[in-house]
Amino acid sequence: MVVAIDGPAGTGKSSVSQMVARSAGFFHLNSGKFYRAITWKAQELQCELSDEESVLAVARNISIVLEGDAFLLDGHLRDEELHTPRVDQAVAPVSAFPSVRQEVNLRLKEIAGTRDLVVEGRDMSTVVFPDAEVKVFLDADPAERARRRYEQNGRQGDLEELEKAIRERDAIDRAKETGRLAQAPDAVYLDTTHLTLRQVCDRVVAIIYDKTNHGRSN
């Protein structure tokens, strides 16, 4: 079974997806980690990141292995390396290359064929897994999303600027030609503005169990 969770930045996709996966006994996969891995590897190889063919070659040859909950890149856990400012600044254009997205999507589909999966992103339900058994679109008021990010950052920075940045990011993500943020017509919409992480998780798990039980009864 594939549980596809989409939504804009700051809605709690990663936290919810991880908790749902643990609760349901599924494997959790953040699609964005693949793009970070490709970006990091391309930088290590000193590839020209503006050259789509060069980046695609990295995407096709990169060694990514999933063992349990571990995401191994070149045989090692590299979570810290994948979240450096250097990668942060370069990952967006890398993830915008259509051929690179196609390669990542193929890998995601291969993984889904081997295990029950909770996968998160922007276009998991609309592009990568249009036939996913469960589709969820998480949303929240931009002001609340800014508040959450503010708390995560240890209350550093300007709250109004955070909200402005989130609104600008939303506009960009919804206007992208490739990997555009959009809600699938058959996705369950969940507004998380006034919900706790546990409440959101419980609702998604209930959707999974309802779908599973319904499938077994037919």
Protein backbone atom coordinates (compact mmCIF):
# COMPACT_ATOMS: atom_id res chain seq x y z
CA MET A 1 0.00 0.00 0.00
CA VAL A 2 1.14 3.54 -0.76
CA VAL A 3 0.09 6.45 1.45
CA ALA A 4 0.90 9.68 -0.38
CA ILE A 5 1.03 12.85 1.71
CA ASP A 6 1.37 16.22 -0.01
CA GLY A 7 1.15 19.80 1.13
CA PRO A 8 2.96 23.13 1.29
CA ALA A 9 6.01 23.81 3.46
CA GLY A 10 5.43 24.10 7.19
CA THR A 11 2.30 21.94 7.42
CA GLY A 12 4.08 19.16 9.29
CA LYS A 13 4.38 16.69 6.41
CA SER A 14 7.62 15.15 7.64
CA SER A 15 6.59 14.83 11.28
CA VAL A 16 3.16 13.49 10.37
CA SER A 17 4.54 11.07 7.78
CA GLN A 18 7.10 9.68 10.20
CA MET A 19 4.54 9.21 12.96
CA VAL A 20 1.98 7.66 10.60
CA ALA A 21 4.59 5.24 9.25
CA ARG A 22 5.53 4.13 12.76
CA SER A 23 1.89 3.74 13.80
CA ALA A 24 0.91 1.77 10.69
CA GLY A 25 4.13 -0.24 10.45
CA PHE A 26 5.00 1.26 7.06
CA PHE A 27 8.28 2.56 5.66
CA HIS A 28 8.61 6.35 5.62
CA LEU A 29 10.21 8.07 2.65
CA ASN A 30 10.80 11.76 2.12
CA SER A 31 11.07 12.34 -1.62
CA GLY A 32 13.03 15.53 -1.00
CA LYS A 33 15.87 13.50 0.50
CA PHE A 34 16.57 12.00 -2.94
CA TYR A 35 17.06 15.46 -4.44
CA ARG A 36 19.31 16.45 -1.56
CA ALA A 37 21.35 13.28 -2.06
CA ILE A 38 21.75 13.98 -5.78
CA THR A 39 22.69 17.60 -5.08
CA TRP A 40 25.27 16.60 -2.47
CA LYS A 41 26.80 13.95 -4.74
CA ALA A 42 26.94 16.34 -7.70
CA GLN A 43 28.71 18.90 -5.53
CA GLU A 44 31.18 16.26 -4.33
CA LEU A 45 31.92 15.38 -7.96
CA GLN A 46 32.20 19.09 -8.80
CA CYS A 47 29.52 18.83 -11.47
CA GLU A 48 28.07 21.92 -13.08
CA LEU A 49 24.71 22.10 -11.30
CA SER A 50 23.18 24.19 -14.07
CA ASP A 51 23.82 21.39 -16.59
CA GLU A 52 20.81 19.08 -16.57
CA GLU A 53 22.61 16.23 -18.36
CA SER A 54 25.45 16.23 -15.83
CA VAL A 55 23.06 16.19 -12.89
CA LEU A 56 20.97 13.46 -14.54
CA ALA A 57 24.09 11.30 -14.89
CA VAL A 58 24.63 11.65 -11.15
CA ALA A 59 20.99 10.79 -10.45
CA ARG A 60 21.22 7.65 -12.56
CA ASN A 61 24.44 6.40 -10.99
CA ILE A 62 24.09 7.44 -7.36
CA SER A 63 24.05 4.59 -4.83
CA ILE A 64 21.04 4.87 -2.52
CA VAL A 65 20.11 1.88 -0.36
CA LEU A 66 17.25 1.65 2.11
CA GLU A 67 17.92 -0.61 5.09
CA GLY A 68 15.17 -0.62 7.68
CA ASP A 69 14.58 3.07 8.36
CA ALA A 70 18.08 4.00 7.22
CA PHE A 71 18.76 5.99 4.04
CA LEU A 72 22.26 5.01 2.96
CA LEU A 73 24.10 7.16 0.42
CA ASP A 74 27.29 5.56 -0.89
CA GLY A 75 26.95 3.05 1.94
CA HIS A 76 26.84 5.67 4.70
CA LEU A 77 24.29 7.67 6.66
CA ARG A 78 24.76 11.26 5.54
CA ASP A 79 21.85 13.13 7.10
CA GLU A 80 24.05 15.98 8.31
CA GLU A 81 25.74 16.39 4.93
CA LEU A 82 22.37 16.54 3.18
CA HIS A 83 21.14 19.47 5.28
CA THR A 84 24.00 21.94 5.01
CA PRO A 85 23.50 25.51 3.74
CA ARG A 86 25.49 24.51 0.65
CA VAL A 87 22.96 21.84 -0.26
CA ASP A 88 20.03 24.04 0.83
CA GLN A 89 21.02 26.69 -1.70
CA ALA A 90 21.42 24.29 -4.62
CA VAL A 91 18.69 21.69 -4.22
CA ALA A 92 15.80 23.74 -5.66
CA PRO A 93 17.19 24.08 -9.21
CA VAL A 94 18.35 20.45 -9.16
CA SER A 95 14.86 19.26 -8.24
CA ALA A 96 13.38 21.40 -11.02
CA PHE A 97 15.07 19.47 -13.83
CA PRO A 98 12.32 17.35 -15.49
CA SER A 99 14.67 14.47 -16.33
CA VAL A 100 16.00 14.34 -12.78
CA ARG A 101 12.48 14.31 -11.36
CA GLN A 102 11.59 11.50 -13.73
CA GLU A 103 14.58 9.48 -12.52
CA VAL A 104 13.71 10.04 -8.86
CA ASN A 105 10.07 9.14 -9.51
CA LEU A 106 11.17 5.85 -11.07
CA ARG A 107 13.18 5.04 -7.96
CA LEU A 108 10.27 5.89 -5.70
CA LYS A 109 7.99 3.59 -7.67
CA GLU A 110 10.54 0.77 -7.47
CA ILE A 111 10.65 1.14 -3.70
CA ALA A 112 6.87 1.17 -3.48
CA GLY A 113 6.82 -2.19 -5.23
CA THR A 114 8.75 -3.79 -2.37
CA ARG A 115 7.06 -2.49 0.80
CA ASP A 116 4.16 -0.56 2.31
CA LEU A 117 5.12 3.07 2.06
CA VAL A 118 4.29 6.49 3.45
CA VAL A 119 5.80 8.98 1.04
CA GLU A 120 5.73 12.76 1.31
CA GLY A 121 6.30 15.59 -1.11
CA ARG A 122 4.48 18.12 -3.28
CA ASP A 123 3.29 15.95 -6.16
CA MET A 124 3.21 12.43 -4.74
CA SER A 125 -0.56 12.06 -5.23
CA THR A 126 -0.82 13.91 -8.52
CA VAL A 127 2.26 12.75 -10.46
CA VAL A 128 4.27 10.00 -8.80
CA PHE A 129 1.54 7.84 -7.29
CA PRO A 130 -1.76 8.85 -8.93
CA ASP A 131 -3.12 5.39 -8.03
CA ALA A 132 -2.06 5.49 -4.37
CA GLU A 133 -4.57 3.78 -2.11
CA VAL A 134 -4.50 6.69 0.34
CA LYS A 135 -3.94 10.32 -0.63
CA VAL A 136 -3.79 13.12 1.92
CA PHE A 137 -3.23 16.84 1.40
CA LEU A 138 -2.10 18.67 4.53
CA ASP A 139 -2.64 22.40 4.80
CA ALA A 140 -2.54 25.11 7.46
CA ASP A 141 -2.93 28.84 7.72
CA PRO A 142 0.31 30.62 6.70
CA ALA A 143 0.40 32.48 10.01
CA GLU A 144 0.27 29.20 11.94
CA ARG A 145 2.91 27.65 9.70
CA ALA A 146 5.14 30.66 10.34
CA ARG A 147 4.58 30.31 14.09
CA ARG A 148 5.57 26.63 13.96
CA ARG A 149 8.73 27.41 12.01
CA TYR A 150 9.49 30.22 14.47
CA GLU A 151 9.24 27.78 17.39
CA GLN A 152 11.37 25.19 15.56
CA ASN A 153 14.05 27.84 15.06
CA GLY A 154 14.16 28.59 18.79
CA ARG A 155 12.14 31.78 18.33
CA GLN A 156 14.91 33.31 16.27
CA GLY A 157 14.17 35.63 13.37
CA ASP A 158 11.20 37.82 12.56
CA LEU A 159 7.78 36.15 12.65
CA GLU A 160 6.26 38.49 10.06
CA GLU A 161 9.16 37.88 7.69
CA LEU A 162 8.73 34.14 8.13
CA GLU A 163 5.07 34.38 7.18
CA LYS A 164 5.92 36.53 4.17
CA ALA A 165 8.53 33.99 3.05
CA ILE A 166 6.04 31.14 3.43
CA ARG A 167 3.42 32.93 1.32
CA GLU A 168 6.03 33.62 -1.36
CA ARG A 169 7.17 29.97 -1.29
CA ASP A 170 3.54 28.85 -1.70
CA ALA A 171 3.11 31.03 -4.78
CA ILE A 172 6.31 29.68 -6.32
CA ASP A 173 5.47 26.04 -5.57
CA ARG A 174 1.97 26.33 -7.02
CA ALA A 175 3.25 27.98 -10.20
CA LYS A 176 6.04 25.52 -11.02
CA GLU A 177 5.88 23.76 -14.36
CA THR A 178 7.56 20.67 -12.88
CA GLY A 179 6.78 19.30 -9.42
CA ARG A 180 3.93 21.75 -8.92
CA LEU A 181 2.16 21.74 -5.57
CA ALA A 182 -1.46 20.72 -6.10
CA GLN A 183 -4.15 18.73 -4.34
CA ALA A 184 -5.28 15.57 -6.10
CA PRO A 185 -9.05 15.58 -6.72
CA ASP A 186 -9.46 12.38 -4.68
CA ALA A 187 -7.12 13.35 -1.83
CA VAL A 188 -8.43 13.84 1.70
CA TYR A 189 -7.90 17.47 2.70
CA LEU A 190 -6.75 18.04 6.29
CA ASP A 191 -6.43 21.54 7.71
CA THR A 192 -3.90 21.15 10.52
CA THR A 193 -4.07 24.75 11.75
CA HIS A 194 -5.80 23.85 15.03
CA LEU A 195 -4.71 20.22 15.29
CA THR A 196 -1.85 18.68 17.23
CA LEU A 197 0.64 16.37 15.56
CA ARG A 198 -0.97 13.38 17.28
CA GLN A 199 -4.46 14.41 16.13
CA VAL A 200 -3.33 14.68 12.51
CA CYS A 201 -1.54 11.34 12.72
CA ASP A 202 -4.60 9.64 14.22
CA ARG A 203 -6.80 10.95 11.41
CA VAL A 204 -4.44 9.71 8.70
CA VAL A 205 -4.04 6.31 10.36
CA ALA A 206 -7.84 6.06 10.59
CA ILE A 207 -8.05 6.70 6.85
CA ILE A 208 -5.49 3.94 6.22
CA TYR A 209 -7.31 1.43 8.39
CA ASP A 210 -10.65 2.33 6.86
CA LYS A 211 -9.24 1.80 3.39
CA THR A 212 -7.60 -1.49 4.44
CA ASN A 213 -10.73 -2.87 6.09
CA HIS A 214 -12.90 -1.76 3.19
CA GLY A 215 -10.59 -3.51 0.77
CA ARG A 216 -10.67 -6.72 2.79
CA SER A 217 -14.46 -6.75 2.95
CA ASN A 218 -14.83 -6.64 -0.84
